PDB file of N, CA and C in Angstrom:
ATOM      1  N   THR A   1       0.828  -1.226  -0.079  1.00  0.00           N
ATOM      2  CA  THR A   1      -0.029  -0.006  -0.062  1.00  0.00           C
ATOM      3  C   THR A   1       0.784   1.329   0.023  1.00  0.00           C
ATOM      4  N   THR A   2       0.302   2.326  -0.484  1.00  0.00           N
ATOM      5  CA  THR A   2       1.078   3.541  -0.540  1.00  0.00           C
ATOM      6  C   THR A   2       1.450   3.976   0.866  1.00  0.00           C
ATOM      7  N   MET A   3       0.616   3.957   1.756  1.00  0.00           N
ATOM      8  CA  MET A   3       0.840   4.295   3.165  1.00  0.00           C
ATOM      9  C   MET A   3       2.203   3.654   3.627  1.00  0.00           C
ATOM     10  N   ASN A   4       2.350   2.447   3.390  1.00  0.00           N
ATOM     11  CA  ASN A   4       3.556   1.593   3.716  1.00  0.00           C
ATOM     12  C   ASN A   4       4.854   2.078   2.996  1.00  0.00           C
ATOM     13  N   VAL A   5       4.674   2.437   1.715  1.00  0.00           N
ATOM     14  CA  VAL A   5       5.869   3.014   0.981  1.00  0.00           C
ATOM     15  C   VAL A   5       6.247   4.353   1.563  1.00  0.00           C
ATOM     16  N   GLU A   6       5.315   5.233   1.782  1.00  0.00           N
ATOM     17  CA  GLU A   6       5.600   6.585   2.361  1.00  0.00           C
ATOM     18  C   GLU A   6       6.419   6.383   3.743  1.00  0.00           C
ATOM     19  N   HIS A   7       5.844   5.427   4.549  1.00  0.00           N
ATOM     20  CA  HIS A   7       6.371   5.239   5.934  1.00  0.00           C
ATOM     21  C   HIS A   7       7.883   4.542   5.616  1.00  0.00           C
ATOM     22  N   GLU A   8       7.999   3.642   4.810  1.00  0.00           N
ATOM     23  CA  GLU A   8       9.404   3.039   4.597  1.00  0.00           C
ATOM     24  C   GLU A   8      10.337   4.016   4.062  1.00  0.00           C
ATOM     25  N   ILE A   9       9.776   5.104   3.236  1.00  0.00           N
ATOM     26  CA  ILE A   9      10.702   5.956   2.677  1.00  0.00           C
ATOM     27  C   ILE A   9      11.298   6.858   3.841  1.00  0.00           C
ATOM     28  N   SER A  10      10.245   7.328   4.664  1.00  0.00           N
ATOM     29  CA  SER A  10      10.541   8.197   5.834  1.00  0.00           C
ATOM     30  C   SER A  10      11.738   7.421   6.819  1.00  0.00           C
ATOM     31  N   LEU A  11      11.472   6.180   6.959  1.00  0.00           N
ATOM     32  CA  LEU A  11      12.424   5.453   7.768  1.00  0.00           C
ATOM     33  C   LEU A  11      13.865   5.376   7.031  1.00  0.00           C
ATOM     34  N   LEU A  12      13.766   5.249   5.786  1.00  0.00           N
ATOM     35  CA  LEU A  12      14.949   5.056   4.995  1.00  0.00           C
ATOM     36  C   LEU A  12      15.758   6.418   5.114  1.00  0.00           C
ATOM     37  N   VAL A  13      15.042   7.550   5.078  1.00  0.00           N
ATOM     38  CA  VAL A  13      15.650   8.770   5.181  1.00  0.00           C
ATOM     39  C   VAL A  13      16.279   8.969   6.470  1.00  0.00           C
ATOM     40  N   GLU A  14      15.625   8.497   7.543  1.00  0.00           N
ATOM     41  CA  GLU A  14      16.237   8.541   8.937  1.00  0.00           C
ATOM     42  C   GLU A  14      17.598   7.650   8.954  1.00  0.00           C
ATOM     43  N   GLU A  15      17.618   6.516   8.373  1.00  0.00           N
ATOM     44  CA  GLU A  15      18.772   5.593   8.395  1.00  0.00           C
ATOM     45  C   GLU A  15      19.894   6.241   7.506  1.00  0.00           C
ATOM     46  N   ILE A  16      19.478   6.927   6.414  1.00  0.00           N
ATOM     47  CA  ILE A  16      20.613   7.561   5.660  1.00  0.00           C
ATOM     48  C   ILE A  16      21.286   8.665   6.434  1.00  0.00           C
ATOM     49  N   ARG A  17      20.435   9.432   7.221  1.00  0.00           N
ATOM     50  CA  ARG A  17      20.980  10.440   8.067  1.00  0.00           C
ATOM     51  C   ARG A  17      21.923   9.779   9.135  1.00  0.00           C
ATOM     52  N   ARG A  18      21.381   8.642   9.699  1.00  0.00           N
ATOM     53  CA  ARG A  18      22.116   8.046  10.841  1.00  0.00           C
ATOM     54  C   ARG A  18      23.582   7.480  10.256  1.00  0.00           C
ATOM     55  N   LEU A  19      23.549   6.864   9.045  1.00  0.00           N
ATOM     56  CA  LEU A  19      24.705   6.212   8.774  1.00  0.00           C
ATOM     57  C   LEU A  19      25.539   7.064   7.734  1.00  0.00           C
ATOM     58  N   GLY A  20      25.014   8.163   7.239  1.00  0.00           N
ATOM     59  CA  GLY A  20      25.681   8.797   6.225  1.00  0.00           C
ATOM     60  C   GLY A  20      26.501   9.971   6.731  1.00  0.00           C
ATOM     61  N   THR A  21      27.189  10.649   5.760  1.00  0.00           N
ATOM     62  CA  THR A  21      28.027  11.796   6.181  1.00  0.00           C
ATOM     63  C   THR A  21      27.484  13.045   5.229  1.00  0.00           C
ATOM     64  N   LYS A  22      27.845  14.186   5.814  1.00  0.00           N
ATOM     65  CA  LYS A  22      27.479  15.419   5.030  1.00  0.00           C
ATOM     66  C   LYS A  22      28.683  15.882   4.135  1.00  0.00           C
ATOM     67  N   ASN A  23      28.308  16.262   2.894  1.00  0.00           N
ATOM     68  CA  ASN A  23      29.459  16.775   2.097  1.00  0.00           C
ATOM     69  C   ASN A  23      29.434  18.347   2.303  1.00  0.00           C
ATOM     70  N   ALA A  24      30.336  18.988   1.465  1.00  0.00           N
ATOM     71  CA  ALA A  24      30.538  20.315   1.797  1.00  0.00           C
ATOM     72  C   ALA A  24      29.295  21.116   1.512  1.00  0.00           C
ATOM     73  N   ASP A  25      28.387  20.642   0.679  1.00  0.00           N
ATOM     74  CA  ASP A  25      27.075  21.372   0.393  1.00  0.00           C
ATOM     75  C   ASP A  25      26.068  21.063   1.467  1.00  0.00           C
ATOM     76  N   GLY A  26      26.386  20.316   2.342  1.00  0.00           N
ATOM     77  CA  GLY A  26      25.409  19.967   3.480  1.00  0.00           C
ATOM     78  C   GLY A  26      24.508  18.728   3.063  1.00  0.00           C
ATOM     79  N   GLN A  27      24.804  18.094   2.011  1.00  0.00           N
ATOM     80  CA  GLN A  27      23.969  17.039   1.416  1.00  0.00           C
ATOM     81  C   GLN A  27      24.468  15.762   2.054  1.00  0.00           C
ATOM     82  N   VAL A  28      23.549  14.902   2.588  1.00  0.00           N
ATOM     83  CA  VAL A  28      23.905  13.639   3.307  1.00  0.00           C
ATOM     84  C   VAL A  28      23.856  12.513   2.313  1.00  0.00           C
ATOM     85  N   SER A  29      24.971  11.759   2.271  1.00  0.00           N
ATOM     86  CA  SER A  29      25.049  10.562   1.519  1.00  0.00           C
ATOM     87  C   SER A  29      25.582   9.337   2.183  1.00  0.00           C
ATOM     88  N   VAL A  30      25.277   8.182   1.695  1.00  0.00           N
ATOM     89  CA  VAL A  30      25.806   6.989   2.319  1.00  0.00           C
ATOM     90  C   VAL A  30      25.975   5.929   1.235  1.00  0.00           C
ATOM     91  N   LYS A  31      26.988   5.144   1.351  1.00  0.00           N
ATOM     92  CA  LYS A  31      27.339   4.112   0.413  1.00  0.00           C
ATOM     93  C   LYS A  31      26.127   3.018   0.512  1.00  0.00           C
ATOM     94  N   PHE A  32      25.873   2.451  -0.593  1.00  0.00           N
ATOM     95  CA  PHE A  32      24.799   1.518  -0.757  1.00  0.00           C
ATOM     96  C   PHE A  32      25.226   0.176   0.164  1.00  0.00           C
ATOM     97  N   GLY A  33      26.422  -0.124   0.131  1.00  0.00           N
ATOM     98  CA  GLY A  33      26.930  -1.241   0.850  1.00  0.00           C
ATOM     99  C   GLY A  33      26.830  -1.063   2.388  1.00  0.00           C
ATOM    100  N   VAL A  34      27.062   0.144   2.863  1.00  0.00           N
ATOM    101  CA  VAL A  34      26.900   0.488   4.261  1.00  0.00           C
ATOM    102  C   VAL A  34      25.418   0.302   4.813  1.00  0.00           C
ATOM    103  N   LEU A  35      24.595   0.844   3.946  1.00  0.00           N
ATOM    104  CA  LEU A  35      23.146   0.708   4.112  1.00  0.00           C
ATOM    105  C   LEU A  35      22.638  -0.701   4.208  1.00  0.00           C
ATOM    106  N   PHE A  36      23.108  -1.412   3.200  1.00  0.00           N
ATOM    107  CA  PHE A  36      22.722  -2.799   2.991  1.00  0.00           C
ATOM    108  C   PHE A  36      23.221  -3.711   4.088  1.00  0.00           C
ATOM    109  N   ALA A  37      24.488  -3.409   4.637  1.00  0.00           N
ATOM    110  CA  ALA A  37      25.013  -4.301   5.592  1.00  0.00           C
ATOM    111  C   ALA A  37      24.549  -3.764   7.060  1.00  0.00           C
ATOM    112  N   ASP A  38      23.990  -2.738   7.190  1.00  0.00           N
ATOM    113  CA  ASP A  38      23.616  -2.324   8.467  1.00  0.00           C
ATOM    114  C   ASP A  38      22.456  -3.254   9.154  1.00  0.00           C
ATOM    115  N   GLU A  39      22.620  -3.736  10.313  1.00  0.00           N
ATOM    116  CA  GLU A  39      21.672  -4.781  10.787  1.00  0.00           C
ATOM    117  C   GLU A  39      20.268  -4.098  11.032  1.00  0.00           C
ATOM    118  N   LYS A  40      20.338  -2.888  11.533  1.00  0.00           N
ATOM    119  CA  LYS A  40      18.959  -2.253  11.712  1.00  0.00           C
ATOM    120  C   LYS A  40      18.218  -2.048  10.336  1.00  0.00           C
ATOM    121  N   CYS A  41      18.965  -1.679   9.363  1.00  0.00           N
ATOM    122  CA  CYS A  41      18.355  -1.544   7.969  1.00  0.00           C
ATOM    123  C   CYS A  41      17.769  -2.875   7.554  1.00  0.00           C
ATOM    124  N   ALA A  42      18.641  -3.888   7.664  1.00  0.00           N
ATOM    125  CA  ALA A  42      18.340  -5.237   7.238  1.00  0.00           C
ATOM    126  C   ALA A  42      16.830  -5.643   7.871  1.00  0.00           C
ATOM    127  N   ASN A  43      16.746  -5.344   9.092  1.00  0.00           N
ATOM    128  CA  ASN A  43      15.467  -5.683   9.862  1.00  0.00           C
ATOM    129  C   ASN A  43      14.273  -4.793   9.486  1.00  0.00           C
ATOM    130  N   LEU A  44      14.626  -3.546   9.124  1.00  0.00           N
ATOM    131  CA  LEU A  44      13.472  -2.513   8.883  1.00  0.00           C
ATOM    132  C   LEU A  44      12.993  -2.647   7.460  1.00  0.00           C
ATOM    133  N   PHE A  45      13.731  -3.062   6.515  1.00  0.00           N
ATOM    134  CA  PHE A  45      13.340  -3.017   5.161  1.00  0.00           C
ATOM    135  C   PHE A  45      13.300  -4.483   4.446  1.00  0.00           C
ATOM    136  N   GLU A  46      12.030  -4.914   4.124  1.00  0.00           N
ATOM    137  CA  GLU A  46      11.884  -6.193   3.539  1.00  0.00           C
ATOM    138  C   GLU A  46      12.512  -6.113   2.091  1.00  0.00           C
ATOM    139  N   ALA A  47      12.421  -4.948   1.487  1.00  0.00           N
ATOM    140  CA  ALA A  47      12.944  -4.714   0.124  1.00  0.00           C
ATOM    141  C   ALA A  47      13.668  -3.341   0.122  1.00  0.00           C
ATOM    142  N   LEU A  48      14.878  -3.263   0.619  1.00  0.00           N
ATOM    143  CA  LEU A  48      15.679  -1.987   0.554  1.00  0.00           C
ATOM    144  C   LEU A  48      15.699  -1.384  -0.772  1.00  0.00           C
ATOM    145  N   VAL A  49      16.105  -2.279  -1.779  1.00  0.00           N
ATOM    146  CA  VAL A  49      16.293  -1.829  -3.095  1.00  0.00           C
ATOM    147  C   VAL A  49      14.861  -1.242  -3.682  1.00  0.00           C
ATOM    148  N   GLY A  50      13.836  -1.911  -3.378  1.00  0.00           N
ATOM    149  CA  GLY A  50      12.541  -1.389  -3.769  1.00  0.00           C
ATOM    150  C   GLY A  50      12.042  -0.028  -3.187  1.00  0.00           C
ATOM    151  N   THR A  51      12.483   0.112  -1.872  1.00  0.00           N
ATOM    152  CA  THR A  51      12.253   1.338  -1.158  1.00  0.00           C
ATOM    153  C   THR A  51      13.138   2.466  -1.753  1.00  0.00           C
ATOM    154  N   LEU A  52      14.326   2.115  -2.018  1.00  0.00           N
ATOM    155  CA  LEU A  52      15.354   3.108  -2.702  1.00  0.00           C
ATOM    156  C   LEU A  52      14.780   3.488  -3.921  1.00  0.00           C
ATOM    157  N   LYS A  53      14.267   2.585  -4.799  1.00  0.00           N
ATOM    158  CA  LYS A  53      13.744   2.971  -6.153  1.00  0.00           C
ATOM    159  C   LYS A  53      12.520   3.966  -5.917  1.00  0.00           C
ATOM    160  N   ALA A  54      11.631   3.578  -4.963  1.00  0.00           N
ATOM    161  CA  ALA A  54      10.513   4.365  -4.808  1.00  0.00           C
ATOM    162  C   ALA A  54      10.891   5.773  -4.257  1.00  0.00           C
ATOM    163  N   ALA A  55      11.882   5.840  -3.460  1.00  0.00           N
ATOM    164  CA  ALA A  55      12.353   7.178  -2.970  1.00  0.00           C
ATOM    165  C   ALA A  55      13.066   8.011  -4.075  1.00  0.00           C
ATOM    166  N   LYS A  56      13.688   7.253  -5.081  1.00  0.00           N
ATOM    167  CA  LYS A  56      14.321   7.734  -6.151  1.00  0.00           C
ATOM    168  C   LYS A  56      13.291   8.528  -7.096  1.00  0.00           C
ATOM    169  N   ARG A  57      12.188   7.633  -7.287  1.00  0.00           N
ATOM    170  CA  ARG A  57      11.104   8.185  -8.186  1.00  0.00           C
ATOM    171  C   ARG A  57      10.484   9.455  -7.635  1.00  0.00           C
ATOM    172  N   ARG A  58      10.458   9.467  -6.321  1.00  0.00           N
ATOM    173  CA  ARG A  58       9.788  10.629  -5.638  1.00  0.00           C
ATOM    174  C   ARG A  58      10.859  11.766  -5.409  1.00  0.00           C
ATOM    175  N   LYS A  59      12.078  11.642  -5.991  1.00  0.00           N
ATOM    176  CA  LYS A  59      13.100  12.600  -5.864  1.00  0.00           C
ATOM    177  C   LYS A  59      13.417  12.943  -4.475  1.00  0.00           C
ATOM    178  N   ILE A  60      13.430  11.908  -3.611  1.00  0.00           N
ATOM    179  CA  ILE A  60      13.915  12.074  -2.229  1.00  0.00           C
ATOM    180  C   ILE A  60      15.311  11.675  -2.116  1.00  0.00           C
ATOM    181  N   VAL A  61      15.629  10.607  -2.853  1.00  0.00           N
ATOM    182  CA  VAL A  61      17.149  10.345  -2.965  1.00  0.00           C
ATOM    183  C   VAL A  61      17.578  10.183  -4.409  1.00  0.00           C
ATOM    184  N   THR A  62      18.908  10.216  -4.610  1.00  0.00           N
ATOM    185  CA  THR A  62      19.338  10.066  -5.959  1.00  0.00           C
ATOM    186  C   THR A  62      20.629   9.132  -5.872  1.00  0.00           C
ATOM    187  N   TYR A  63      20.756   8.293  -6.939  1.00  0.00           N
ATOM    188  CA  TYR A  63      22.002   7.457  -7.074  1.00  0.00           C
ATOM    189  C   TYR A  63      22.147   6.992  -8.549  1.00  0.00           C
ATOM    190  N   GLN A  64      23.334   6.566  -8.859  1.00  0.00           N
ATOM    191  CA  GLN A  64      23.643   6.158 -10.299  1.00  0.00           C
ATOM    192  C   GLN A  64      23.043   4.897 -10.575  1.00  0.00           C
ATOM    193  N   GLY A  65      22.486   4.775 -11.720  1.00  0.00           N
ATOM    194  CA  GLY A  65      21.971   3.511 -12.194  1.00  0.00           C
ATOM    195  C   GLY A  65      20.379   3.172 -11.770  1.00  0.00           C
ATOM    196  N   GLU A  66      19.990   2.081 -12.075  1.00  0.00           N
ATOM    197  CA  GLU A  66      18.593   1.776 -11.842  1.00  0.00           C
ATOM    198  C   GLU A  66      18.489   0.803 -10.663  1.00  0.00           C
ATOM    199  N   LEU A  67      19.059  -0.364 -10.918  1.00  0.00           N
ATOM    200  CA  LEU A  67      18.946  -1.417  -9.931  1.00  0.00           C
ATOM    201  C   LEU A  67      20.311  -1.716  -9.225  1.00  0.00           C
ATOM    202  N   LEU A  68      20.145  -1.492  -7.910  1.00  0.00           N
ATOM    203  CA  LEU A  68      21.394  -1.782  -6.914  1.00  0.00           C
ATOM    204  C   LEU A  68      21.453  -3.115  -6.456  1.00  0.00           C
ATOM    205  N   LEU A  69      22.707  -3.614  -6.619  1.00  0.00           N
ATOM    206  CA  LEU A  69      22.856  -5.087  -6.347  1.00  0.00           C
ATOM    207  C   LEU A  69      23.972  -5.010  -5.208  1.00  0.00           C
ATOM    208  N   GLN A  70      23.756  -5.811  -4.185  1.00  0.00           N
ATOM    209  CA  GLN A  70      24.716  -6.035  -3.069  1.00  0.00           C
ATOM    210  C   GLN A  70      25.994  -6.587  -3.728  1.00  0.00           C
ATOM    211  N   GLY A  71      27.108  -6.139  -3.224  1.00  0.00           N
ATOM    212  CA  GLY A  71      28.325  -6.491  -3.639  1.00  0.00           C
ATOM    213  C   GLY A  71      28.810  -5.689  -4.886  1.00  0.00           C
ATOM    214  N   VAL A  72      27.990  -5.755  -6.003  1.00  0.00           N
ATOM    215  CA  VAL A  72      28.399  -5.016  -7.276  1.00  0.00           C
ATOM    216  C   VAL A  72      28.431  -3.437  -6.984  1.00  0.00           C
ATOM    217  N   HIS A  73      27.361  -3.023  -6.278  1.00  0.00           N
ATOM    218  CA  HIS A  73      27.170  -1.536  -6.282  1.00  0.00           C
ATOM    219  C   HIS A  73      27.429  -1.024  -4.744  1.00  0.00           C
ATOM    220  N   ASP A  74      28.200  -1.797  -4.001  1.00  0.00           N
ATOM    221  CA  ASP A  74      28.462  -1.416  -2.594  1.00  0.00           C
ATOM    222  C   ASP A  74      29.086   0.138  -2.475  1.00  0.00           C
ATOM    223  N   ASN A  75      29.742   0.432  -3.538  1.00  0.00           N
ATOM    224  CA  ASN A  75      30.293   1.942  -3.387  1.00  0.00           C
ATOM    225  C   ASN A  75      29.574   2.984  -4.045  1.00  0.00           C
ATOM    226  N   VAL A  76      28.293   2.621  -4.507  1.00  0.00           N
ATOM    227  CA  VAL A  76      27.443   3.687  -4.978  1.00  0.00           C
ATOM    228  C   VAL A  76      26.910   4.567  -3.890  1.00  0.00           C
ATOM    229  N   ASP A  77      26.995   5.848  -4.058  1.00  0.00           N
ATOM    230  CA  ASP A  77      26.541   6.892  -3.220  1.00  0.00           C
ATOM    231  C   ASP A  77      25.031   7.015  -3.243  1.00  0.00           C
ATOM    232  N   ILE A  78      24.351   6.992  -2.232  1.00  0.00           N
ATOM    233  CA  ILE A  78      22.931   7.255  -2.173  1.00  0.00           C
ATOM    234  C   ILE A  78      22.922   8.631  -1.582  1.00  0.00           C
ATOM    235  N   MET A  79      22.316   9.675  -2.272  1.00  0.00           N
ATOM    236  CA  MET A  79      22.298  10.958  -1.720  1.00  0.00           C
ATOM    237  C   MET A  79      20.913  11.469  -1.447  1.00  0.00           C
ATOM    238  N   LEU A  80      20.790  12.102  -0.281  1.00  0.00           N
ATOM    239  CA  LEU A  80      19.439  12.619   0.183  1.00  0.00           C
ATOM    240  C   LEU A  80      19.296  13.995  -0.635  1.00  0.00           C
ATOM    241  N   LEU A  81      18.096  14.136  -1.213  1.00  0.00           N
ATOM    242  CA  LEU A  81      17.870  15.355  -1.952  1.00  0.00           C
ATOM    243  C   LEU A  81      17.076  16.376  -1.206  1.00  0.00           C
ATOM    244  N   GLN A  82      16.330  15.935  -0.200  1.00  0.00           N
ATOM    245  CA  GLN A  82      15.627  16.823   0.646  1.00  0.00           C
ATOM    246  C   GLN A  82      15.818  16.499   2.088  1.00  0.00           C
ATOM    247  N   ASP A  83      15.700  17.594   2.903  1.00  0.00           N
ATOM    248  CA  ASP A  83      15.918  17.499   4.358  1.00  0.00           C
ATOM    249  C   ASP A  83      14.692  17.017   5.081  1.00  0.00           C
TER     250      ASP A  83
END
């Protein structure tokens, strides 16, 4: 349901803030591998990749590529676009 997606996205934003670092522009980003490997995130999100895609469609986060795969894309930066 849409409600769940919105909720998962807001949780995702919190986790990115918790695990990420701010750059010079004040934007927070986190590596996909860090997010994926985090135990709290693993428990929170049944489908982290799906939640990321939904957040990207809503312009809440951005990252290179379409589908993120564990291992292959561990170094991809996921950046928060809104605070």
